[in-house]
Amino acid sequence: MFIDEEVTAQHDLLVLEQAYPDAKYYLQFDTPFHLLLATILSAQCTDVVVNKTTPALYAKYKTPSDVLTSPPGELEGMIKSITFANAKASHIRKACETLVKDFGSKVPQGMEQLLTLTGVGRKTANALQQNAFDTVNGVIVDTHVIRIALRLGWTRQKDPEKIERDLMALFPKNTWKRLPHLLKAHGQRVCTAPKPKCALCPLKHTCPSSEV
């Protein structure tokens, strides 16, 4: 990445900040454990559906033990509106088993420890660290981040972990937490899939993929 490209990218980020000042993390939660449940459910599912599902889940399951002692099929029934509900219910139970066995029923704060939980990849671990523990060690790379980073020329990679490394090299650490919030807002409103609304885009004059 050349210096002028870095300057353009950081200018673009400032433009997005001005365009979406209210952008924020999108999953609703009250404890680290509940955020873990929400992030597992959010894979390939919209935040709107997850946020409609989780209040009842949070009321029923306060701890990992609450999940593990629940009647068979109860969890699946409570998350039936979520994509891949049965698989995600299995992931949640296995993650809860690990929490009880290895971490005293508490969600760990370290990246390596988080990655031992079933259903938790680097994106989820970053989300947990940043939003439950206010610790920033990387960039959350979701579908909006992937799409927009490629369109803006911030990366040429397709693998999420390689994209994350490119973004971490391109932007200062104090922007890493905010960056995916802005890109998600931009991706939902303007830089949509499959076809972006380039005429409405505040970055249309600097974006190499602009059709305007």
N, C-alpha and C. Protein backbone atom coordinates (compact mmCIF):
# COMPACT_ATOMS: atom_id res chain seq x y z
N MET A 1 0.86 -1.19 0.00
CA MET A 1 0.00 0.00 0.00
C MET A 1 0.89 1.23 0.00
N PHE A 2 0.76 2.11 -0.98
CA PHE A 2 1.57 3.31 -1.09
C PHE A 2 1.04 4.40 -0.16
N ILE A 3 1.92 5.39 0.11
CA ILE A 3 1.56 6.45 1.05
C ILE A 3 0.31 7.19 0.60
N ASP A 4 0.23 7.51 -0.70
CA ASP A 4 -0.94 8.25 -1.17
C ASP A 4 -2.22 7.44 -1.03
N GLU A 5 -2.10 6.11 -1.16
CA GLU A 5 -3.27 5.25 -0.95
C GLU A 5 -3.69 5.25 0.52
N GLU A 6 -2.70 5.29 1.41
CA GLU A 6 -3.00 5.35 2.84
C GLU A 6 -3.71 6.66 3.17
N VAL A 7 -3.23 7.75 2.61
CA VAL A 7 -3.85 9.05 2.87
C VAL A 7 -5.29 9.07 2.37
N THR A 8 -5.50 8.52 1.16
CA THR A 8 -6.86 8.46 0.60
C THR A 8 -7.77 7.61 1.47
N ALA A 9 -7.27 6.46 1.92
CA ALA A 9 -8.08 5.57 2.75
C ALA A 9 -8.47 6.24 4.06
N GLN A 10 -7.53 6.92 4.69
CA GLN A 10 -7.84 7.56 5.96
C GLN A 10 -8.76 8.77 5.77
N HIS A 11 -8.62 9.45 4.62
CA HIS A 11 -9.57 10.52 4.29
C HIS A 11 -10.97 9.94 4.09
N ASP A 12 -11.05 8.80 3.39
CA ASP A 12 -12.34 8.15 3.17
C ASP A 12 -13.00 7.77 4.49
N LEU A 13 -12.19 7.33 5.44
CA LEU A 13 -12.73 6.96 6.74
C LEU A 13 -13.32 8.18 7.46
N LEU A 14 -12.67 9.31 7.34
CA LEU A 14 -13.21 10.54 7.93
C LEU A 14 -14.54 10.94 7.28
N VAL A 15 -14.62 10.74 5.96
CA VAL A 15 -15.87 11.04 5.25
C VAL A 15 -16.99 10.14 5.75
N LEU A 16 -16.69 8.86 5.94
CA LEU A 16 -17.70 7.92 6.45
C LEU A 16 -18.11 8.30 7.87
N GLU A 17 -17.17 8.77 8.67
CA GLU A 17 -17.49 9.20 10.03
C GLU A 17 -18.48 10.35 10.01
N GLN A 18 -18.30 11.27 9.08
CA GLN A 18 -19.21 12.40 8.95
C GLN A 18 -20.58 11.96 8.41
N ALA A 19 -20.56 10.95 7.54
CA ALA A 19 -21.81 10.49 6.93
C ALA A 19 -22.65 9.64 7.90
N TYR A 20 -21.98 8.92 8.81
CA TYR A 20 -22.69 7.99 9.70
C TYR A 20 -22.26 8.22 11.15
N PRO A 21 -22.52 9.38 11.71
CA PRO A 21 -22.06 9.67 13.08
C PRO A 21 -22.72 8.79 14.14
N ASP A 22 -23.86 8.21 13.81
CA ASP A 22 -24.57 7.39 14.79
C ASP A 22 -24.29 5.89 14.64
N ALA A 23 -23.37 5.52 13.76
CA ALA A 23 -23.05 4.10 13.56
C ALA A 23 -22.55 3.50 14.86
N LYS A 24 -23.01 2.30 15.18
CA LYS A 24 -22.61 1.65 16.43
C LYS A 24 -22.69 0.14 16.28
N TYR A 25 -22.16 -0.56 17.29
CA TYR A 25 -22.23 -2.02 17.28
C TYR A 25 -23.69 -2.43 17.32
N TYR A 26 -24.03 -3.46 16.59
CA TYR A 26 -25.42 -3.73 16.26
C TYR A 26 -26.09 -4.81 17.09
N LEU A 27 -25.35 -5.66 17.80
CA LEU A 27 -25.99 -6.71 18.60
C LEU A 27 -26.27 -6.20 20.01
N GLN A 28 -27.47 -6.47 20.50
CA GLN A 28 -27.86 -6.03 21.83
C GLN A 28 -27.49 -7.10 22.86
N PHE A 29 -26.93 -6.65 23.99
CA PHE A 29 -26.51 -7.60 25.03
C PHE A 29 -26.36 -6.86 26.34
N ASP A 30 -26.27 -7.61 27.43
CA ASP A 30 -26.07 -6.99 28.74
C ASP A 30 -24.90 -7.59 29.51
N THR A 31 -24.45 -8.79 29.14
CA THR A 31 -23.30 -9.42 29.80
C THR A 31 -22.41 -10.06 28.74
N PRO A 32 -21.14 -10.33 29.07
CA PRO A 32 -20.27 -11.02 28.11
C PRO A 32 -20.85 -12.37 27.66
N PHE A 33 -21.47 -13.10 28.57
CA PHE A 33 -22.05 -14.39 28.19
C PHE A 33 -23.18 -14.21 27.18
N HIS A 34 -24.01 -13.22 27.40
CA HIS A 34 -25.10 -12.99 26.45
C HIS A 34 -24.58 -12.49 25.10
N LEU A 35 -23.50 -11.74 25.11
CA LEU A 35 -22.90 -11.34 23.83
C LEU A 35 -22.35 -12.56 23.11
N LEU A 36 -21.77 -13.50 23.85
CA LEU A 36 -21.31 -14.73 23.24
C LEU A 36 -22.46 -15.45 22.53
N LEU A 37 -23.60 -15.57 23.20
CA LEU A 37 -24.76 -16.21 22.59
C LEU A 37 -25.16 -15.47 21.31
N ALA A 38 -25.23 -14.15 21.39
CA ALA A 38 -25.67 -13.35 20.24
C ALA A 38 -24.71 -13.47 19.07
N THR A 39 -23.42 -13.46 19.34
CA THR A 39 -22.45 -13.53 18.25
C THR A 39 -22.47 -14.90 17.57
N ILE A 40 -22.66 -15.95 18.33
CA ILE A 40 -22.79 -17.28 17.72
C ILE A 40 -24.03 -17.33 16.83
N LEU A 41 -25.13 -16.77 17.30
CA LEU A 41 -26.36 -16.77 16.52
C LEU A 41 -26.27 -15.90 15.27
N SER A 42 -25.40 -14.89 15.30
CA SER A 42 -25.37 -13.89 14.22
C SER A 42 -24.70 -14.36 12.94
N ALA A 43 -24.00 -15.49 12.98
CA ALA A 43 -23.34 -15.99 11.78
C ALA A 43 -24.37 -16.26 10.68
N GLN A 44 -24.20 -15.61 9.52
CA GLN A 44 -25.12 -15.77 8.38
C GLN A 44 -26.58 -15.50 8.74
N CYS A 45 -26.75 -14.54 9.65
CA CYS A 45 -28.11 -14.15 10.05
C CYS A 45 -28.10 -12.65 10.31
N THR A 46 -29.19 -11.98 10.01
CA THR A 46 -29.22 -10.53 10.18
C THR A 46 -29.29 -10.16 11.66
N ASP A 47 -28.73 -9.00 11.99
CA ASP A 47 -28.76 -8.53 13.37
C ASP A 47 -30.19 -8.25 13.82
N VAL A 48 -31.07 -7.88 12.88
CA VAL A 48 -32.47 -7.62 13.23
C VAL A 48 -33.12 -8.89 13.79
N VAL A 49 -32.91 -10.01 13.12
CA VAL A 49 -33.49 -11.28 13.57
C VAL A 49 -32.87 -11.70 14.90
N VAL A 50 -31.55 -11.55 15.02
CA VAL A 50 -30.87 -11.92 16.26
C VAL A 50 -31.40 -11.09 17.43
N ASN A 51 -31.51 -9.79 17.22
CA ASN A 51 -31.96 -8.91 18.31
C ASN A 51 -33.42 -9.15 18.70
N LYS A 52 -34.22 -9.69 17.79
CA LYS A 52 -35.59 -10.06 18.14
C LYS A 52 -35.62 -11.36 18.95
N THR A 53 -34.64 -12.20 18.74
CA THR A 53 -34.61 -13.52 19.37
C THR A 53 -33.98 -13.50 20.76
N THR A 54 -32.99 -12.65 20.96
CA THR A 54 -32.17 -12.75 22.18
C THR A 54 -32.84 -12.31 23.48
N PRO A 55 -33.80 -11.37 23.52
CA PRO A 55 -34.35 -11.00 24.83
C PRO A 55 -34.91 -12.19 25.61
N ALA A 56 -35.67 -13.04 24.96
CA ALA A 56 -36.21 -14.22 25.65
C ALA A 56 -35.10 -15.18 26.05
N LEU A 57 -34.08 -15.27 25.19
CA LEU A 57 -32.94 -16.14 25.47
C LEU A 57 -32.18 -15.64 26.70
N TYR A 58 -31.97 -14.35 26.77
CA TYR A 58 -31.25 -13.77 27.91
C TYR A 58 -32.01 -13.96 29.21
N ALA A 59 -33.33 -13.85 29.13
CA ALA A 59 -34.15 -14.02 30.33
C ALA A 59 -34.11 -15.45 30.85
N LYS A 60 -34.01 -16.39 29.93
CA LYS A 60 -34.03 -17.81 30.30
C LYS A 60 -32.65 -18.31 30.74
N TYR A 61 -31.62 -17.86 30.05
CA TYR A 61 -30.26 -18.39 30.26
C TYR A 61 -29.34 -17.30 30.77
N LYS A 62 -29.13 -17.26 32.07
CA LYS A 62 -28.24 -16.26 32.67
C LYS A 62 -26.79 -16.74 32.71
N THR A 63 -26.60 -18.04 32.73
CA THR A 63 -25.26 -18.61 32.88
C THR A 63 -25.10 -19.80 31.93
N PRO A 64 -23.88 -20.25 31.70
CA PRO A 64 -23.68 -21.46 30.89
C PRO A 64 -24.40 -22.67 31.47
N SER A 65 -24.44 -22.78 32.78
CA SER A 65 -25.12 -23.92 33.41
C SER A 65 -26.61 -23.92 33.11
N ASP A 66 -27.20 -22.74 32.98
CA ASP A 66 -28.63 -22.67 32.62
C ASP A 66 -28.88 -23.31 31.26
N VAL A 67 -27.96 -23.12 30.35
CA VAL A 67 -28.09 -23.74 29.02
C VAL A 67 -27.93 -25.25 29.14
N LEU A 68 -26.91 -25.67 29.87
CA LEU A 68 -26.58 -27.10 29.94
C LEU A 68 -27.63 -27.91 30.69
N THR A 69 -28.37 -27.28 31.58
CA THR A 69 -29.40 -28.01 32.34
C THR A 69 -30.81 -27.82 31.76
N SER A 70 -30.90 -27.13 30.64
CA SER A 70 -32.22 -26.90 30.02
C SER A 70 -32.73 -28.18 29.38
N PRO A 71 -34.06 -28.34 29.26
CA PRO A 71 -34.63 -29.54 28.66
C PRO A 71 -34.20 -29.71 27.20
N PRO A 72 -34.06 -30.95 26.73
CA PRO A 72 -33.70 -31.19 25.33
C PRO A 72 -34.68 -30.51 24.38
N GLY A 73 -34.14 -29.82 23.40
CA GLY A 73 -34.98 -29.18 22.39
C GLY A 73 -35.45 -27.78 22.74
N GLU A 74 -35.30 -27.38 24.02
CA GLU A 74 -35.78 -26.06 24.41
C GLU A 74 -35.02 -24.94 23.70
N LEU A 75 -33.70 -25.04 23.70
CA LEU A 75 -32.88 -24.01 23.06
C LEU A 75 -33.19 -23.92 21.57
N GLU A 76 -33.29 -25.07 20.92
CA GLU A 76 -33.61 -25.08 19.49
C GLU A 76 -34.94 -24.39 19.22
N GLY A 77 -35.92 -24.64 20.08
CA GLY A 77 -37.22 -24.02 19.90
C GLY A 77 -37.18 -22.51 20.07
N MET A 78 -36.33 -22.04 20.98
CA MET A 78 -36.25 -20.61 21.25
C MET A 78 -35.52 -19.85 20.13
N ILE A 79 -34.69 -20.56 19.37
CA ILE A 79 -33.94 -19.88 18.30
C ILE A 79 -34.36 -20.37 16.92
N LYS A 80 -35.56 -20.87 16.79
CA LYS A 80 -36.00 -21.48 15.53
C LYS A 80 -36.04 -20.50 14.37
N SER A 81 -36.13 -19.20 14.66
CA SER A 81 -36.15 -18.21 13.58
C SER A 81 -34.75 -17.88 13.07
N ILE A 82 -33.73 -18.39 13.74
CA ILE A 82 -32.34 -18.14 13.37
C ILE A 82 -31.89 -19.15 12.32
N THR A 83 -31.11 -18.71 11.35
CA THR A 83 -30.59 -19.64 10.35
C THR A 83 -29.70 -20.69 11.03
N PHE A 84 -29.81 -21.94 10.53
CA PHE A 84 -29.01 -23.06 11.04
C PHE A 84 -29.18 -23.22 12.55
N ALA A 85 -30.42 -23.15 13.00
CA ALA A 85 -30.72 -23.14 14.44
C ALA A 85 -30.17 -24.37 15.16
N ASN A 86 -30.32 -25.54 14.58
CA ASN A 86 -29.87 -26.75 15.26
C ASN A 86 -28.35 -26.77 15.43
N ALA A 87 -27.64 -26.38 14.38
CA ALA A 87 -26.18 -26.35 14.45
C ALA A 87 -25.71 -25.32 15.47
N LYS A 88 -26.36 -24.15 15.48
CA LYS A 88 -25.96 -23.10 16.41
C LYS A 88 -26.30 -23.48 17.86
N ALA A 89 -27.40 -24.18 18.05
CA ALA A 89 -27.72 -24.67 19.40
C ALA A 89 -26.64 -25.62 19.89
N SER A 90 -26.16 -26.47 18.99
CA SER A 90 -25.07 -27.39 19.34
C SER A 90 -23.80 -26.63 19.67
N HIS A 91 -23.49 -25.60 18.89
CA HIS A 91 -22.31 -24.79 19.16
C HIS A 91 -22.41 -24.10 20.53
N ILE A 92 -23.59 -23.59 20.83
CA ILE A 92 -23.79 -22.91 22.11
C ILE A 92 -23.58 -23.87 23.26
N ARG A 93 -24.14 -25.07 23.16
CA ARG A 93 -23.98 -26.05 24.25
C ARG A 93 -22.51 -26.43 24.43
N LYS A 94 -21.81 -26.67 23.33
CA LYS A 94 -20.40 -27.05 23.44
C LYS A 94 -19.57 -25.90 23.99
N ALA A 95 -19.89 -24.68 23.58
CA ALA A 95 -19.18 -23.51 24.13
C ALA A 95 -19.43 -23.40 25.63
N CYS A 96 -20.68 -23.66 26.04
CA CYS A 96 -21.01 -23.60 27.47
C CYS A 96 -20.28 -24.68 28.26
N GLU A 97 -20.15 -25.86 27.67
CA GLU A 97 -19.38 -26.92 28.32
C GLU A 97 -17.95 -26.49 28.57
N THR A 98 -17.34 -25.84 27.57
CA THR A 98 -15.97 -25.37 27.71
C THR A 98 -15.87 -24.26 28.76
N LEU A 99 -16.85 -23.36 28.76
CA LEU A 99 -16.85 -22.29 29.77
C LEU A 99 -16.87 -22.86 31.18
N VAL A 100 -17.73 -23.85 31.40
CA VAL A 100 -17.83 -24.46 32.73
C VAL A 100 -16.57 -25.22 33.08
N LYS A 101 -16.07 -25.99 32.13
CA LYS A 101 -14.94 -26.88 32.39
C LYS A 101 -13.62 -26.12 32.54
N ASP A 102 -13.40 -25.14 31.65
CA ASP A 102 -12.06 -24.52 31.58
C ASP A 102 -11.97 -23.10 32.11
N PHE A 103 -13.11 -22.42 32.23
CA PHE A 103 -13.04 -20.99 32.55
C PHE A 103 -13.95 -20.56 33.70
N GLY A 104 -14.32 -21.50 34.55
CA GLY A 104 -15.12 -21.15 35.72
C GLY A 104 -16.44 -20.49 35.37
N SER A 105 -17.00 -20.88 34.23
CA SER A 105 -18.29 -20.37 33.74
C SER A 105 -18.25 -18.91 33.30
N LYS A 106 -17.05 -18.34 33.18
CA LYS A 106 -16.89 -16.96 32.73
C LYS A 106 -16.35 -16.93 31.30
N VAL A 107 -16.80 -15.96 30.52
CA VAL A 107 -16.26 -15.78 29.17
C VAL A 107 -14.84 -15.24 29.31
N PRO A 108 -13.85 -15.93 28.74
CA PRO A 108 -12.47 -15.45 28.85
C PRO A 108 -12.25 -14.20 28.02
N GLN A 109 -11.18 -13.47 28.34
CA GLN A 109 -10.90 -12.23 27.63
C GLN A 109 -9.82 -12.36 26.57
N GLY A 110 -8.99 -13.37 26.64
CA GLY A 110 -7.88 -13.53 25.70
C GLY A 110 -8.31 -14.11 24.37
N MET A 111 -7.65 -13.71 23.30
CA MET A 111 -7.97 -14.21 21.97
C MET A 111 -7.81 -15.72 21.89
N GLU A 112 -6.70 -16.25 22.34
CA GLU A 112 -6.46 -17.69 22.25
C GLU A 112 -7.51 -18.47 23.03
N GLN A 113 -7.88 -17.97 24.19
CA GLN A 113 -8.89 -18.66 25.00
C GLN A 113 -10.27 -18.59 24.34
N LEU A 114 -10.61 -17.44 23.79
CA LEU A 114 -11.90 -17.30 23.11
C LEU A 114 -12.01 -18.25 21.92
N LEU A 115 -10.91 -18.43 21.21
CA LEU A 115 -10.94 -19.29 20.03
C LEU A 115 -11.08 -20.77 20.36
N THR A 116 -10.98 -21.14 21.64
CA THR A 116 -11.23 -22.54 22.02
C THR A 116 -12.72 -22.83 22.15
N LEU A 117 -13.55 -21.79 22.12
CA LEU A 117 -14.99 -21.99 22.27
C LEU A 117 -15.60 -22.35 20.92
N THR A 118 -16.41 -23.39 20.90
CA THR A 118 -17.09 -23.81 19.68
C THR A 118 -17.98 -22.69 19.17
N GLY A 119 -17.90 -22.42 17.86
CA GLY A 119 -18.72 -21.37 17.26
C GLY A 119 -18.07 -20.00 17.27
N VAL A 120 -16.86 -19.92 17.83
CA VAL A 120 -16.16 -18.65 17.92
C VAL A 120 -14.95 -18.66 16.99
N GLY A 121 -14.99 -17.78 15.97
CA GLY A 121 -13.84 -17.56 15.11
C GLY A 121 -13.24 -16.20 15.46
N ARG A 122 -12.30 -15.76 14.64
CA ARG A 122 -11.61 -14.51 14.96
C ARG A 122 -12.57 -13.31 14.93
N LYS A 123 -13.53 -13.31 14.01
CA LYS A 123 -14.49 -12.20 13.96
C LYS A 123 -15.27 -12.11 15.27
N THR A 124 -15.77 -13.24 15.72
CA THR A 124 -16.54 -13.28 16.97
C THR A 124 -15.68 -12.92 18.16
N ALA A 125 -14.44 -13.44 18.18
CA ALA A 125 -13.54 -13.14 19.29
C ALA A 125 -13.24 -11.64 19.35
N ASN A 126 -13.00 -11.03 18.20
CA ASN A 126 -12.79 -9.58 18.17
C ASN A 126 -14.01 -8.83 18.71
N ALA A 127 -15.20 -9.28 18.30
CA ALA A 127 -16.43 -8.63 18.76
C ALA A 127 -16.58 -8.74 20.28
N LEU A 128 -16.25 -9.90 20.82
CA LEU A 128 -16.33 -10.10 22.27
C LEU A 128 -15.31 -9.24 22.99
N GLN A 129 -14.07 -9.25 22.52
CA GLN A 129 -13.04 -8.45 23.18
C GLN A 129 -13.41 -6.96 23.18
N GLN A 130 -13.83 -6.48 22.03
CA GLN A 130 -14.07 -5.04 21.89
C GLN A 130 -15.30 -4.58 22.64
N ASN A 131 -16.38 -5.33 22.55
CA ASN A 131 -17.66 -4.85 23.07
C ASN A 131 -17.98 -5.33 24.48
N ALA A 132 -17.41 -6.46 24.89
CA ALA A 132 -17.63 -6.93 26.26
C ALA A 132 -16.53 -6.49 27.21
N PHE A 133 -15.30 -6.35 26.66
CA PHE A 133 -14.16 -6.08 27.53
C PHE A 133 -13.38 -4.82 27.16
N ASP A 134 -13.85 -4.10 26.16
CA ASP A 134 -13.20 -2.85 25.73
C ASP A 134 -11.71 -3.05 25.45
N THR A 135 -11.41 -4.17 24.78
CA THR A 135 -10.04 -4.48 24.39
C THR A 135 -9.98 -4.61 22.88
N VAL A 136 -9.12 -3.85 22.25
CA VAL A 136 -9.04 -3.85 20.79
C VAL A 136 -7.71 -4.43 20.34
N ASN A 137 -7.79 -5.60 19.71
CA ASN A 137 -6.59 -6.25 19.18
C ASN A 137 -6.69 -6.50 17.68
N GLY A 138 -7.81 -6.12 17.08
CA GLY A 138 -7.98 -6.37 15.65
C GLY A 138 -9.21 -5.66 15.13
N VAL A 139 -9.59 -6.02 13.91
CA VAL A 139 -10.74 -5.43 13.23
C VAL A 139 -11.78 -6.53 12.97
N ILE A 140 -13.02 -6.28 13.32
CA ILE A 140 -14.09 -7.23 13.00
C ILE A 140 -14.30 -7.21 11.49
N VAL A 141 -14.17 -8.36 10.86
CA VAL A 141 -14.33 -8.45 9.41
C VAL A 141 -15.58 -9.26 9.10
N ASP A 142 -16.67 -8.55 8.75
CA ASP A 142 -17.90 -9.21 8.37
C ASP A 142 -18.13 -9.03 6.87
N THR A 143 -19.28 -9.42 6.38
CA THR A 143 -19.52 -9.38 4.93
C THR A 143 -19.48 -7.95 4.39
N HIS A 144 -19.96 -6.98 5.17
CA HIS A 144 -19.92 -5.59 4.72
C HIS A 144 -18.48 -5.09 4.62
N VAL A 145 -17.68 -5.43 5.62
CA VAL A 145 -16.27 -5.00 5.62
C VAL A 145 -15.55 -5.61 4.42
N ILE A 146 -15.78 -6.88 4.17
CA ILE A 146 -15.13 -7.55 3.04
C ILE A 146 -15.50 -6.87 1.73
N ARG A 147 -16.79 -6.69 1.51
CA ARG A 147 -17.27 -6.11 0.25
C ARG A 147 -16.74 -4.70 0.02
N ILE A 148 -16.85 -3.87 1.03
CA ILE A 148 -16.49 -2.47 0.86
C ILE A 148 -14.99 -2.27 0.82
N ALA A 149 -14.25 -3.01 1.63
CA ALA A 149 -12.80 -2.90 1.59
C ALA A 149 -12.25 -3.27 0.22
N LEU A 150 -12.85 -4.28 -0.40
CA LEU A 150 -12.44 -4.67 -1.75
C LEU A 150 -12.81 -3.59 -2.77
N ARG A 151 -14.01 -3.06 -2.67
CA ARG A 151 -14.46 -2.04 -3.62
C ARG A 151 -13.62 -0.76 -3.51
N LEU A 152 -13.22 -0.41 -2.29
CA LEU A 152 -12.45 0.80 -2.09
C LEU A 152 -10.96 0.60 -2.37
N GLY A 153 -10.57 -0.63 -2.61
CA GLY A 153 -9.16 -0.91 -2.88
C GLY A 153 -8.29 -0.94 -1.64
N TRP A 154 -8.92 -1.10 -0.47
CA TRP A 154 -8.16 -1.17 0.78
C TRP A 154 -7.47 -2.53 0.94
N THR A 155 -7.91 -3.50 0.20
CA THR A 155 -7.32 -4.83 0.21
C THR A 155 -7.56 -5.49 -1.13
N ARG A 156 -6.75 -6.48 -1.44
CA ARG A 156 -6.97 -7.31 -2.63
C ARG A 156 -7.19 -8.76 -2.22
N GLN A 157 -7.30 -8.97 -0.92
CA GLN A 157 -7.45 -10.31 -0.37
C GLN A 157 -8.91 -10.71 -0.30
N LYS A 158 -9.16 -12.01 -0.25
CA LYS A 158 -10.51 -12.53 -0.08
C LYS A 158 -10.68 -13.21 1.28
N ASP A 159 -9.57 -13.67 1.85
CA ASP A 159 -9.61 -14.34 3.14
C ASP A 159 -9.78 -13.31 4.26
N PRO A 160 -10.77 -13.50 5.16
CA PRO A 160 -11.04 -12.50 6.20
C PRO A 160 -9.83 -12.16 7.07
N GLU A 161 -9.02 -13.14 7.43
CA GLU A 161 -7.88 -12.85 8.30
C GLU A 161 -6.84 -12.02 7.56
N LYS A 162 -6.66 -12.26 6.26
CA LYS A 162 -5.73 -11.46 5.48
C LYS A 162 -6.27 -10.04 5.28
N ILE A 163 -7.58 -9.93 5.09
CA ILE A 163 -8.21 -8.61 5.00
C ILE A 163 -8.01 -7.85 6.30
N GLU A 164 -8.20 -8.54 7.42
CA GLU A 164 -8.00 -7.89 8.72
C GLU A 164 -6.58 -7.36 8.85
N ARG A 165 -5.60 -8.15 8.45
CA ARG A 165 -4.21 -7.70 8.55
C ARG A 165 -3.97 -6.46 7.69
N ASP A 166 -4.55 -6.45 6.48
CA ASP A 166 -4.40 -5.28 5.61
C ASP A 166 -5.01 -4.03 6.25
N LEU A 167 -6.18 -4.17 6.85
CA LEU A 167 -6.84 -3.02 7.47
C LEU A 167 -6.08 -2.55 8.70
N MET A 168 -5.52 -3.47 9.45
CA MET A 168 -4.75 -3.10 10.64
C MET A 168 -3.48 -2.35 10.23
N ALA A 169 -2.93 -2.70 9.08
CA ALA A 169 -1.73 -2.01 8.60
C ALA A 169 -2.07 -0.64 8.02
N LEU A 170 -3.28 -0.50 7.51
CA LEU A 170 -3.68 0.71 6.80
C LEU A 170 -4.17 1.81 7.74
N PHE A 171 -4.82 1.41 8.83
CA PHE A 171 -5.46 2.38 9.72
C PHE A 171 -4.85 2.33 11.12
N PRO A 172 -4.83 3.47 11.81
CA PRO A 172 -4.32 3.49 13.19
C PRO A 172 -5.22 2.69 14.13
N LYS A 173 -4.63 2.17 15.19
CA LYS A 173 -5.35 1.27 16.09
C LYS A 173 -6.58 1.92 16.70
N ASN A 174 -6.53 3.23 16.92
CA ASN A 174 -7.67 3.87 17.56
C ASN A 174 -8.91 3.96 16.66
N THR A 175 -8.79 3.50 15.40
CA THR A 175 -9.94 3.46 14.50
C THR A 175 -10.46 2.03 14.28
N TRP A 176 -9.75 1.04 14.77
CA TRP A 176 -10.10 -0.36 14.45
C TRP A 176 -11.49 -0.75 14.92
N LYS A 177 -11.89 -0.29 16.11
CA LYS A 177 -13.21 -0.66 16.64
C LYS A 177 -14.32 0.04 15.86
N ARG A 178 -14.10 1.29 15.51
CA ARG A 178 -15.12 2.10 14.84
C ARG A 178 -15.29 1.72 13.37
N LEU A 179 -14.20 1.29 12.74
CA LEU A 179 -14.18 1.03 11.30
C LEU A 179 -15.31 0.11 10.83
N PRO A 180 -15.50 -1.09 11.41
CA PRO A 180 -16.56 -1.97 10.90
C PRO A 180 -17.97 -1.42 11.13
N HIS A 181 -18.15 -0.61 12.17
CA HIS A 181 -19.47 0.00 12.39
C HIS A 181 -19.81 0.93 11.22
N LEU A 182 -18.83 1.71 10.80
CA LEU A 182 -19.04 2.65 9.70
C LEU A 182 -19.25 1.91 8.38
N LEU A 183 -18.48 0.87 8.16
CA LEU A 183 -18.61 0.12 6.91
C LEU A 183 -19.94 -0.64 6.85
N LYS A 184 -20.40 -1.11 7.99
CA LYS A 184 -21.70 -1.79 8.01
C LYS A 184 -22.82 -0.80 7.68
N ALA A 185 -22.76 0.38 8.29
CA ALA A 185 -23.77 1.40 8.00
C ALA A 185 -23.75 1.78 6.53
N HIS A 186 -22.55 1.96 5.99
CA HIS A 186 -22.40 2.32 4.57
C HIS A 186 -22.88 1.18 3.67
N GLY A 187 -22.58 -0.04 4.08
CA GLY A 187 -22.97 -1.20 3.28
C GLY A 187 -24.47 -1.45 3.27
N GLN A 188 -25.13 -1.10 4.35
CA GLN A 188 -26.58 -1.29 4.43
C GLN A 188 -27.34 -0.21 3.66
N ARG A 189 -26.79 1.00 3.63
CA ARG A 189 -27.53 2.13 3.08
C ARG A 189 -27.13 2.51 1.65
N VAL A 190 -25.85 2.35 1.32
CA VAL A 190 -25.36 2.84 0.03
C VAL A 190 -24.57 1.79 -0.74
N CYS A 191 -23.52 1.27 -0.14
CA CYS A 191 -22.64 0.33 -0.86
C CYS A 191 -23.19 -1.09 -0.73
N THR A 192 -24.38 -1.26 -1.27
CA THR A 192 -25.13 -2.50 -1.08
C THR A 192 -24.67 -3.60 -2.03
N ALA A 193 -25.07 -4.82 -1.69
CA ALA A 193 -24.81 -5.97 -2.55
C ALA A 193 -26.15 -6.37 -3.18
N PRO A 194 -26.14 -6.77 -4.47
CA PRO A 194 -24.95 -6.88 -5.32
C PRO A 194 -24.57 -5.59 -6.03
N LYS A 195 -25.46 -4.60 -6.06
CA LYS A 195 -25.17 -3.39 -6.83
C LYS A 195 -25.19 -2.17 -5.91
N PRO A 196 -24.09 -1.43 -5.84
CA PRO A 196 -24.04 -0.25 -4.98
C PRO A 196 -24.78 0.95 -5.57
N LYS A 197 -25.17 1.87 -4.72
CA LYS A 197 -25.85 3.09 -5.15
C LYS A 197 -24.80 4.20 -5.28
N CYS A 198 -23.96 4.08 -6.31
CA CYS A 198 -22.79 4.95 -6.43
C CYS A 198 -23.14 6.43 -6.50
N ALA A 199 -24.28 6.75 -7.12
CA ALA A 199 -24.66 8.16 -7.27
C ALA A 199 -24.89 8.82 -5.91
N LEU A 200 -25.24 8.04 -4.89
CA LEU A 200 -25.51 8.57 -3.56
C LEU A 200 -24.30 8.52 -2.64
N CYS A 201 -23.19 7.96 -3.12
CA CYS A 201 -22.06 7.66 -2.25
C CYS A 201 -21.19 8.88 -1.97
N PRO A 202 -20.88 9.14 -0.70
CA PRO A 202 -19.99 10.26 -0.38
C PRO A 202 -18.54 10.01 -0.79
N LEU A 203 -18.24 8.77 -1.19
CA LEU A 203 -16.88 8.42 -1.60
C LEU A 203 -16.76 8.23 -3.12
N LYS A 204 -17.77 8.65 -3.86
CA LYS A 204 -17.80 8.35 -5.29
C LYS A 204 -16.64 8.96 -6.06
N HIS A 205 -16.02 10.02 -5.54
CA HIS A 205 -14.93 10.66 -6.27
C HIS A 205 -13.57 10.02 -5.98
N THR A 206 -13.49 9.21 -4.95
CA THR A 206 -12.22 8.55 -4.62
C THR A 206 -12.29 7.03 -4.76
N CYS A 207 -13.48 6.48 -4.81
CA CYS A 207 -13.62 5.02 -4.88
C CYS A 207 -13.23 4.50 -6.26
N PRO A 208 -12.28 3.55 -6.34
CA PRO A 208 -11.87 3.03 -7.65
C PRO A 208 -12.93 2.18 -8.32
N SER A 209 -13.96 1.78 -7.57
CA SER A 209 -15.03 0.96 -8.14
C SER A 209 -16.26 1.78 -8.50
N SER A 210 -16.21 3.09 -8.32
CA SER A 210 -17.37 3.93 -8.56
C SER A 210 -17.84 3.85 -10.00
N GLU A 211 -19.16 3.77 -10.16
CA GLU A 211 -19.75 3.74 -11.49
C GLU A 211 -20.27 5.10 -11.91
N VAL A 212 -19.94 6.13 -11.15
CA VAL A 212 -20.39 7.49 -11.47
C VAL A 212 -19.30 8.21 -12.28
